[in-house]
Every structure is written in C-alpha cells, then in structure tokens.
Amino acid sequence: MARDPLAILQRLRDLEVTEAQRRLAERRAQEDLAQRQAEATAAALLSEAAQRDPHGFAAWMPRGRAEQERAARLAHIAGNQRAEAERGLAEARAALKGVERLAEMREEEAKKAREKKVQGLLDEVGARRGAAPHPAGVV
C-alpha cells in the first residue's frame, strides 16, 4: 500500500516543530548564561570600584570595562538568537497547522463524497421501487 504523501508531510512538519522547540530551549539557556555572565562582570566592576585602592582600580578599570562591554554584547547577541529561534518555532507551528488543515479539508471532502455515494444508492433504490409495479392493494 502506498504511503499518504500528506501524512508524510505532516510527520515531517511535526519533526520540524520538535527540532524548533529544542533549538529554542538551547537558545534560552544560552541567553540565560550570557545574562548571568554580564551581571557578574558588572558586579565585579562595582566591587573593584568599592575597593580602597584607587590606583589598582584605575589600572584594572579599562580591562574590566572591556569585559563588561563584551559580556553585554554577547548577552545582546544571545537575545537576538533566542528571538530568531522563537520566530523559527512560530513558522514551524504555522507550517504544521497548514498541513493539519489540509488533512482536515481532505477528510471533509472524502466524507462528503461518501455521503453523496450513499445518497445516490438510496435514490437508485427509491427509483427502482417507484418504477416497479405495486403489489395488489399496496400503494
């Protein structure tokens, strides 16, 4: 028996949704890590500023500031990647929904065709009974 192409497509779309969900979870974890690193870098900068040694802080500040900016940039990139993964999941879900709707439409058409066939058979039986002579006394 041949496999239904629409069922195969629906299975592929379902796999795409699963993969997009996995990718989104991964991107969220990366974003969370990047945010925590950015916060830790900012906290380290503040901690160093609170120290009583202004000369040590002055020497360390350019490097600390660069690390803070780098961490903030990476957090921003991770946020963009998460947003892209969210869009990918939405697209995958929309594609799956489209295939599901197609399958529903196909099933509805098949149901209508079956009903039409049954009605045709009933009409044929009715026509045969109407054309046949009635038994005596039965109208």
Foldseek 3Di string as FASTA:
>chain_A
DDDDPLVVQLVVLVVQLVVLVVQLVVLVVQLVVLVVQLVVLVVVLVVLVPDPDPVVNVVCVVVSVVSNVVSVVSSVVSVVSSVVSVVSNVVSVVSSVVSVVVVVVVVVVVVVVVVVVVVVVVVVVVVVVVPDDDPPPDD
